N, C-alpha and C. Protein backbone atom coordinates (compact mmCIF):
# COMPACT_ATOMS: atom_id res chain seq x y z
N MET A 1 -0.81 -3.37 -73.66
CA MET A 1 -1.75 -3.75 -72.64
C MET A 1 -1.04 -4.44 -71.47
N LYS A 2 -0.10 -5.35 -71.79
CA LYS A 2 0.63 -6.05 -70.74
C LYS A 2 1.49 -5.07 -69.94
N LYS A 3 2.08 -4.06 -70.64
CA LYS A 3 2.89 -3.06 -69.95
C LYS A 3 2.05 -2.29 -68.93
N THR A 4 0.85 -1.92 -69.29
CA THR A 4 -0.05 -1.17 -68.41
C THR A 4 -0.37 -1.99 -67.17
N ILE A 5 -0.64 -3.26 -67.34
CA ILE A 5 -0.96 -4.15 -66.20
C ILE A 5 0.26 -4.30 -65.29
N ILE A 6 1.41 -4.47 -65.89
CA ILE A 6 2.64 -4.62 -65.10
C ILE A 6 2.94 -3.35 -64.33
N ILE A 7 2.79 -2.20 -64.99
CA ILE A 7 3.04 -0.91 -64.32
C ILE A 7 2.04 -0.71 -63.18
N ALA A 8 0.78 -1.04 -63.41
CA ALA A 8 -0.25 -0.91 -62.36
C ALA A 8 0.07 -1.82 -61.18
N ALA A 9 0.51 -3.04 -61.46
CA ALA A 9 0.86 -3.98 -60.40
C ALA A 9 2.04 -3.47 -59.58
N ILE A 10 3.04 -2.91 -60.26
CA ILE A 10 4.21 -2.36 -59.56
C ILE A 10 3.80 -1.19 -58.68
N MET A 11 2.93 -0.32 -59.21
CA MET A 11 2.46 0.83 -58.43
C MET A 11 1.70 0.38 -57.19
N LEU A 12 0.87 -0.63 -57.32
CA LEU A 12 0.13 -1.16 -56.18
C LEU A 12 1.10 -1.76 -55.14
N LEU A 13 2.08 -2.46 -55.63
CA LEU A 13 3.07 -3.07 -54.75
C LEU A 13 3.84 -1.99 -53.97
N VAL A 14 4.27 -0.94 -54.64
CA VAL A 14 5.00 0.16 -54.00
C VAL A 14 4.09 0.87 -52.98
N ALA A 15 2.84 1.13 -53.34
CA ALA A 15 1.91 1.80 -52.44
C ALA A 15 1.65 0.94 -51.20
N GLY A 16 1.49 -0.35 -51.38
CA GLY A 16 1.27 -1.26 -50.25
C GLY A 16 2.47 -1.31 -49.33
N THR A 17 3.66 -1.32 -49.88
CA THR A 17 4.88 -1.35 -49.09
C THR A 17 5.03 -0.07 -48.28
N ALA A 18 4.74 1.07 -48.88
CA ALA A 18 4.83 2.36 -48.19
C ALA A 18 3.82 2.42 -47.04
N SER A 19 2.62 1.91 -47.29
CA SER A 19 1.59 1.91 -46.25
C SER A 19 1.99 1.02 -45.09
N LEU A 20 2.51 -0.15 -45.39
CA LEU A 20 2.96 -1.09 -44.36
C LEU A 20 4.10 -0.48 -43.56
N ASP A 21 5.03 0.19 -44.23
CA ASP A 21 6.16 0.81 -43.56
C ASP A 21 5.68 1.90 -42.60
N ALA A 22 4.70 2.70 -43.03
CA ALA A 22 4.16 3.77 -42.18
C ALA A 22 3.49 3.17 -40.94
N ARG A 23 2.74 2.09 -41.10
CA ARG A 23 2.09 1.45 -39.96
C ARG A 23 3.12 0.86 -39.00
N THR A 24 4.16 0.27 -39.51
CA THR A 24 5.21 -0.31 -38.67
C THR A 24 5.90 0.78 -37.86
N LYS A 25 6.22 1.91 -38.48
CA LYS A 25 6.86 3.02 -37.77
C LYS A 25 5.95 3.54 -36.67
N LYS A 26 4.65 3.64 -36.95
CA LYS A 26 3.70 4.14 -35.97
C LYS A 26 3.64 3.20 -34.77
N LYS A 27 3.61 1.89 -35.01
CA LYS A 27 3.56 0.92 -33.92
C LYS A 27 4.82 0.99 -33.07
N SER A 28 5.97 1.08 -33.68
CA SER A 28 7.21 1.08 -32.90
C SER A 28 7.33 2.36 -32.08
N SER A 29 6.86 3.51 -32.59
CA SER A 29 6.93 4.73 -31.79
C SER A 29 5.93 4.66 -30.65
N THR A 30 4.79 4.02 -30.84
CA THR A 30 3.82 3.84 -29.77
C THR A 30 4.40 2.92 -28.71
N GLN A 31 5.09 1.87 -29.11
CA GLN A 31 5.68 0.95 -28.15
C GLN A 31 6.77 1.64 -27.34
N LYS A 32 7.56 2.51 -27.95
CA LYS A 32 8.60 3.23 -27.22
C LYS A 32 7.96 4.13 -26.16
N ALA A 33 6.88 4.82 -26.51
CA ALA A 33 6.22 5.71 -25.57
C ALA A 33 5.66 4.91 -24.40
N ALA A 34 5.08 3.75 -24.67
CA ALA A 34 4.52 2.94 -23.61
C ALA A 34 5.60 2.43 -22.67
N SER A 35 6.78 2.16 -23.18
CA SER A 35 7.84 1.61 -22.34
C SER A 35 8.43 2.65 -21.39
N THR A 36 8.17 3.93 -21.61
CA THR A 36 8.70 4.97 -20.73
C THR A 36 7.69 5.40 -19.67
N THR A 37 6.55 4.74 -19.61
CA THR A 37 5.54 5.05 -18.60
C THR A 37 5.66 4.04 -17.47
N GLN A 38 5.67 4.56 -16.25
CA GLN A 38 5.80 3.72 -15.07
C GLN A 38 4.71 4.11 -14.08
N VAL A 39 4.02 3.12 -13.52
CA VAL A 39 3.03 3.37 -12.48
C VAL A 39 3.54 2.72 -11.20
N ILE A 40 3.65 3.54 -10.17
CA ILE A 40 4.16 3.05 -8.89
C ILE A 40 3.02 3.00 -7.89
N TYR A 41 2.80 1.82 -7.34
CA TYR A 41 1.79 1.60 -6.30
C TYR A 41 2.47 1.70 -4.95
N THR A 42 2.01 2.63 -4.10
CA THR A 42 2.66 2.86 -2.81
C THR A 42 2.05 2.05 -1.66
N GLY A 43 1.01 1.30 -1.94
CA GLY A 43 0.35 0.54 -0.88
C GLY A 43 1.27 -0.45 -0.19
N ASP A 44 2.18 -1.05 -0.93
CA ASP A 44 3.10 -2.02 -0.34
C ASP A 44 4.34 -1.37 0.27
N ILE A 45 4.86 -0.34 -0.38
CA ILE A 45 6.11 0.26 0.09
C ILE A 45 5.89 1.28 1.21
N ALA A 46 4.66 1.73 1.40
CA ALA A 46 4.38 2.73 2.44
C ALA A 46 3.26 2.27 3.37
N LYS A 47 3.28 1.00 3.71
CA LYS A 47 2.23 0.44 4.59
C LYS A 47 2.17 1.15 5.94
N LYS A 48 3.31 1.57 6.43
CA LYS A 48 3.37 2.16 7.76
C LYS A 48 3.15 3.67 7.76
N VAL A 49 2.93 4.26 6.60
CA VAL A 49 2.64 5.69 6.52
C VAL A 49 1.15 5.86 6.76
N ILE A 50 0.82 6.49 7.86
CA ILE A 50 -0.57 6.58 8.31
C ILE A 50 -1.07 8.02 8.26
N GLY A 51 -2.26 8.19 7.69
CA GLY A 51 -2.93 9.49 7.72
C GLY A 51 -3.68 9.60 9.04
N TYR A 52 -4.80 10.27 9.04
CA TYR A 52 -5.57 10.40 10.29
C TYR A 52 -6.26 9.09 10.65
N ASN A 53 -6.79 8.39 9.64
CA ASN A 53 -7.54 7.15 9.89
C ASN A 53 -6.89 5.91 9.30
N GLY A 54 -5.67 5.99 8.83
CA GLY A 54 -5.01 4.80 8.28
C GLY A 54 -4.16 5.15 7.07
N PRO A 55 -3.67 4.10 6.38
CA PRO A 55 -2.81 4.31 5.20
C PRO A 55 -3.59 4.96 4.05
N ILE A 56 -2.87 5.67 3.20
CA ILE A 56 -3.46 6.29 2.01
C ILE A 56 -2.63 5.84 0.81
N PRO A 57 -2.95 4.68 0.23
CA PRO A 57 -2.18 4.20 -0.92
C PRO A 57 -2.42 5.05 -2.16
N LEU A 58 -1.38 5.14 -2.99
CA LEU A 58 -1.44 5.94 -4.21
C LEU A 58 -0.94 5.13 -5.40
N ASN A 59 -1.35 5.53 -6.58
CA ASN A 59 -0.73 5.13 -7.84
C ASN A 59 -0.12 6.39 -8.43
N ILE A 60 1.19 6.37 -8.62
CA ILE A 60 1.90 7.52 -9.18
C ILE A 60 2.31 7.15 -10.60
N THR A 61 1.82 7.89 -11.58
CA THR A 61 2.14 7.63 -12.98
C THR A 61 3.24 8.58 -13.42
N ILE A 62 4.35 7.99 -13.87
CA ILE A 62 5.50 8.77 -14.35
C ILE A 62 5.70 8.43 -15.81
N LYS A 63 5.67 9.46 -16.65
CA LYS A 63 5.84 9.26 -18.08
C LYS A 63 7.02 10.10 -18.55
N ASN A 64 8.00 9.45 -19.16
CA ASN A 64 9.21 10.12 -19.63
C ASN A 64 9.89 10.92 -18.53
N GLY A 65 9.87 10.39 -17.30
CA GLY A 65 10.55 11.04 -16.19
C GLY A 65 9.77 12.16 -15.54
N VAL A 66 8.53 12.40 -15.96
CA VAL A 66 7.71 13.49 -15.43
C VAL A 66 6.46 12.88 -14.77
N ILE A 67 6.11 13.40 -13.61
CA ILE A 67 4.91 12.91 -12.91
C ILE A 67 3.69 13.39 -13.68
N GLU A 68 2.95 12.44 -14.20
CA GLU A 68 1.79 12.75 -15.03
C GLU A 68 0.50 12.74 -14.21
N ASN A 69 0.39 11.82 -13.24
CA ASN A 69 -0.84 11.70 -12.46
C ASN A 69 -0.54 11.04 -11.13
N ILE A 70 -1.31 11.41 -10.12
CA ILE A 70 -1.26 10.74 -8.82
C ILE A 70 -2.70 10.42 -8.45
N GLU A 71 -2.97 9.15 -8.31
CA GLU A 71 -4.32 8.69 -8.01
C GLU A 71 -4.37 8.19 -6.57
N VAL A 72 -5.30 8.71 -5.79
CA VAL A 72 -5.50 8.26 -4.42
C VAL A 72 -6.42 7.05 -4.47
N LEU A 73 -5.96 5.95 -3.89
CA LEU A 73 -6.72 4.71 -3.92
C LEU A 73 -7.58 4.57 -2.66
N GLU A 74 -8.32 3.50 -2.58
CA GLU A 74 -9.25 3.27 -1.47
C GLU A 74 -8.53 3.40 -0.13
N ASN A 75 -9.18 4.15 0.79
CA ASN A 75 -8.59 4.40 2.11
C ASN A 75 -9.70 4.68 3.10
N GLN A 76 -9.33 4.94 4.35
CA GLN A 76 -10.31 5.17 5.42
C GLN A 76 -10.38 6.63 5.88
N GLU A 77 -9.75 7.53 5.15
CA GLU A 77 -9.77 8.94 5.53
C GLU A 77 -11.18 9.52 5.37
N SER A 78 -11.47 10.55 6.13
CA SER A 78 -12.73 11.26 5.98
C SER A 78 -12.71 11.97 4.63
N PRO A 79 -13.77 11.80 3.82
CA PRO A 79 -13.76 12.35 2.46
C PRO A 79 -13.48 13.85 2.39
N GLY A 80 -14.02 14.62 3.30
CA GLY A 80 -13.80 16.07 3.28
C GLY A 80 -12.35 16.45 3.51
N TYR A 81 -11.74 15.80 4.48
CA TYR A 81 -10.33 16.09 4.78
C TYR A 81 -9.42 15.59 3.66
N LEU A 82 -9.73 14.42 3.14
CA LEU A 82 -8.93 13.87 2.05
C LEU A 82 -9.01 14.76 0.81
N LYS A 83 -10.21 15.26 0.52
CA LYS A 83 -10.38 16.15 -0.62
C LYS A 83 -9.55 17.42 -0.45
N ARG A 84 -9.57 17.97 0.75
CA ARG A 84 -8.81 19.18 1.04
C ARG A 84 -7.30 18.91 0.88
N ALA A 85 -6.85 17.77 1.40
CA ALA A 85 -5.43 17.42 1.33
C ALA A 85 -4.98 17.18 -0.12
N THR A 86 -5.77 16.42 -0.88
CA THR A 86 -5.37 16.13 -2.26
C THR A 86 -5.41 17.38 -3.12
N ALA A 87 -6.38 18.25 -2.88
CA ALA A 87 -6.47 19.48 -3.68
C ALA A 87 -5.26 20.38 -3.44
N LYS A 88 -4.69 20.34 -2.25
CA LYS A 88 -3.53 21.17 -1.93
C LYS A 88 -2.21 20.51 -2.34
N VAL A 89 -2.07 19.20 -2.08
CA VAL A 89 -0.78 18.53 -2.24
C VAL A 89 -0.52 18.07 -3.67
N LEU A 90 -1.45 17.37 -4.28
CA LEU A 90 -1.18 16.74 -5.58
C LEU A 90 -0.77 17.71 -6.68
N PRO A 91 -1.40 18.88 -6.84
CA PRO A 91 -0.98 19.80 -7.91
C PRO A 91 0.47 20.27 -7.77
N GLN A 92 1.02 20.20 -6.58
CA GLN A 92 2.41 20.63 -6.38
C GLN A 92 3.40 19.66 -7.05
N TYR A 93 2.96 18.42 -7.28
CA TYR A 93 3.82 17.40 -7.86
C TYR A 93 3.58 17.15 -9.35
N ILE A 94 2.35 17.32 -9.80
CA ILE A 94 2.01 17.04 -11.19
C ILE A 94 2.82 17.94 -12.13
N GLY A 95 3.44 17.32 -13.14
CA GLY A 95 4.22 18.08 -14.12
C GLY A 95 5.68 18.25 -13.75
N LYS A 96 6.07 17.83 -12.58
CA LYS A 96 7.47 17.94 -12.15
C LYS A 96 8.23 16.67 -12.54
N THR A 97 9.53 16.80 -12.76
CA THR A 97 10.35 15.62 -12.98
C THR A 97 10.52 14.92 -11.63
N VAL A 98 10.96 13.68 -11.68
CA VAL A 98 11.18 12.93 -10.45
C VAL A 98 12.20 13.65 -9.57
N ALA A 99 13.27 14.14 -10.17
CA ALA A 99 14.31 14.85 -9.41
C ALA A 99 13.75 16.12 -8.75
N GLU A 100 12.97 16.90 -9.49
CA GLU A 100 12.37 18.12 -8.94
C GLU A 100 11.43 17.78 -7.79
N ALA A 101 10.61 16.75 -7.98
CA ALA A 101 9.63 16.36 -6.97
C ALA A 101 10.31 15.84 -5.69
N LYS A 102 11.44 15.16 -5.85
CA LYS A 102 12.16 14.66 -4.68
C LYS A 102 12.67 15.81 -3.81
N LYS A 103 13.02 16.94 -4.42
CA LYS A 103 13.54 18.09 -3.69
C LYS A 103 12.44 18.99 -3.14
N LEU A 104 11.22 18.80 -3.61
CA LEU A 104 10.10 19.68 -3.27
C LEU A 104 9.74 19.60 -1.79
N LYS A 105 9.57 20.74 -1.17
CA LYS A 105 9.06 20.84 0.19
C LYS A 105 7.59 21.25 0.07
N ALA A 106 6.73 20.28 -0.07
CA ALA A 106 5.32 20.53 -0.35
C ALA A 106 4.61 21.12 0.86
N ASP A 107 3.67 22.00 0.56
CA ASP A 107 2.82 22.59 1.59
C ASP A 107 1.70 21.62 1.94
N VAL A 108 1.29 21.61 3.21
CA VAL A 108 0.18 20.77 3.65
C VAL A 108 -1.09 21.61 3.68
N ALA A 109 -2.22 20.93 3.65
CA ALA A 109 -3.51 21.62 3.69
C ALA A 109 -3.87 21.90 5.15
N THR A 110 -4.20 23.14 5.42
CA THR A 110 -4.64 23.51 6.77
C THR A 110 -5.91 22.75 7.10
N GLY A 111 -5.93 22.14 8.27
CA GLY A 111 -7.11 21.39 8.69
C GLY A 111 -7.08 19.94 8.23
N ALA A 112 -6.13 19.57 7.40
CA ALA A 112 -5.99 18.18 6.95
C ALA A 112 -4.51 17.80 6.97
N THR A 113 -3.87 18.18 8.06
CA THR A 113 -2.43 18.01 8.16
C THR A 113 -2.00 16.55 8.11
N TYR A 114 -2.64 15.68 8.88
CA TYR A 114 -2.24 14.27 8.91
C TYR A 114 -2.40 13.63 7.53
N SER A 115 -3.51 13.90 6.89
CA SER A 115 -3.75 13.35 5.55
C SER A 115 -2.72 13.89 4.56
N SER A 116 -2.47 15.19 4.62
CA SER A 116 -1.50 15.82 3.72
C SER A 116 -0.12 15.23 3.91
N GLU A 117 0.31 15.11 5.16
CA GLU A 117 1.64 14.57 5.43
C GLU A 117 1.77 13.13 4.98
N ALA A 118 0.69 12.34 5.14
CA ALA A 118 0.73 10.95 4.69
C ALA A 118 0.83 10.87 3.17
N ILE A 119 0.11 11.73 2.47
CA ILE A 119 0.17 11.75 1.01
C ILE A 119 1.58 12.13 0.55
N ILE A 120 2.14 13.16 1.17
CA ILE A 120 3.49 13.61 0.81
C ILE A 120 4.51 12.50 1.05
N LYS A 121 4.42 11.84 2.19
CA LYS A 121 5.36 10.75 2.50
C LYS A 121 5.20 9.59 1.51
N ASN A 122 3.96 9.27 1.15
CA ASN A 122 3.70 8.23 0.14
C ASN A 122 4.34 8.59 -1.19
N ILE A 123 4.16 9.83 -1.60
CA ILE A 123 4.74 10.28 -2.87
C ILE A 123 6.26 10.17 -2.82
N GLN A 124 6.87 10.63 -1.73
CA GLN A 124 8.32 10.58 -1.60
C GLN A 124 8.83 9.14 -1.65
N MET A 125 8.15 8.24 -0.96
CA MET A 125 8.56 6.83 -0.98
C MET A 125 8.36 6.22 -2.37
N GLY A 126 7.30 6.61 -3.05
CA GLY A 126 7.07 6.14 -4.42
C GLY A 126 8.13 6.65 -5.37
N LEU A 127 8.51 7.90 -5.22
CA LEU A 127 9.55 8.48 -6.08
C LEU A 127 10.90 7.83 -5.80
N GLU A 128 11.14 7.45 -4.58
CA GLU A 128 12.38 6.74 -4.25
C GLU A 128 12.38 5.38 -4.95
N GLN A 129 11.23 4.76 -5.03
CA GLN A 129 11.10 3.48 -5.75
C GLN A 129 11.36 3.70 -7.24
N ALA A 130 10.84 4.79 -7.80
CA ALA A 130 11.06 5.09 -9.22
C ALA A 130 12.53 5.31 -9.48
N LYS A 131 13.19 6.00 -8.59
CA LYS A 131 14.61 6.28 -8.74
C LYS A 131 15.41 4.97 -8.71
N SER A 132 15.10 4.09 -7.77
CA SER A 132 15.86 2.85 -7.67
C SER A 132 15.60 1.94 -8.86
N THR A 133 14.41 1.99 -9.44
CA THR A 133 14.11 1.19 -10.62
C THR A 133 14.92 1.67 -11.81
N SER A 134 14.99 3.00 -12.02
CA SER A 134 15.76 3.52 -13.15
C SER A 134 17.25 3.30 -12.94
N THR A 135 17.71 3.35 -11.70
CA THR A 135 19.11 3.11 -11.40
C THR A 135 19.48 1.66 -11.71
N SER A 136 18.59 0.73 -11.34
CA SER A 136 18.89 -0.69 -11.60
C SER A 136 18.92 -0.97 -13.10
N LYS A 137 18.10 -0.25 -13.88
CA LYS A 137 18.14 -0.42 -15.34
C LYS A 137 19.48 0.06 -15.88
N LYS A 138 19.98 1.19 -15.36
CA LYS A 138 21.26 1.71 -15.81
C LYS A 138 22.39 0.74 -15.47
N LYS A 139 22.33 0.17 -14.27
CA LYS A 139 23.35 -0.78 -13.86
C LYS A 139 23.35 -2.00 -14.77
N ALA A 140 22.16 -2.47 -15.12
CA ALA A 140 22.06 -3.64 -16.00
C ALA A 140 22.67 -3.32 -17.36
N THR A 141 22.41 -2.13 -17.87
CA THR A 141 22.98 -1.72 -19.15
C THR A 141 24.49 -1.66 -19.07
N THR A 142 25.00 -1.13 -17.97
CA THR A 142 26.45 -1.03 -17.79
C THR A 142 27.08 -2.42 -17.77
N LYS A 143 26.45 -3.35 -17.07
CA LYS A 143 26.98 -4.70 -16.99
C LYS A 143 27.03 -5.35 -18.36
N LYS A 144 25.99 -5.14 -19.16
CA LYS A 144 25.96 -5.72 -20.50
C LYS A 144 27.10 -5.18 -21.36
N SER A 145 27.34 -3.87 -21.26
CA SER A 145 28.38 -3.30 -22.10
C SER A 145 29.77 -3.75 -21.67
N LYS A 146 29.97 -4.07 -20.39
CA LYS A 146 31.25 -4.54 -19.92
C LYS A 146 31.54 -5.97 -20.43
N ARG A 147 30.50 -6.76 -20.62
CA ARG A 147 30.66 -8.13 -21.06
C ARG A 147 31.11 -8.24 -22.50
N ARG A 148 30.85 -7.24 -23.28
CA ARG A 148 31.18 -7.28 -24.71
C ARG A 148 32.61 -7.32 -24.91
C-alpha cells in the first residue's frame, strides 16, 4: 500500500514538473517574439513632411524585420483623397523586409499625389529610424564582446 502511494506521488511530481516546463518554454518563446516587434511613430521624425492639408503621421509595425502593418494616424487630409492614397501606397510596403522597402520606388495614387508622396516620405523616414535602431543594437553588442 505504501509503495502504491509513493509511486502515485512520484508520478504526480513528474507530471507537474513536465507541465511547468512546457508552460515556461511557451512563455519564453512568446517573450522572444514580442521582443522582435517594433512600432515606429513618424509624427515626431517627419513633422515637416506635409501632405495636401498637413502632416500625415504613421505607426509602422515591423515584426522580425518585415513590415507587418502601417497605420495612418489622425491628420487633416480630405478623407476621400487619403483613402485613395493609402489604398495605393500601403499595400506596396506590407510584407516587405525593411531593406526591400527602403529600395522600393512606390507608385503614387492618381488624384492624391500630395497625400501619397507624404505617406511614402513618412514610411521612408520611419524605416530609416528602424535601420538606425537595429544598427545601434549591433554596435552595443559589439562593444560588449570587445570588453570580455
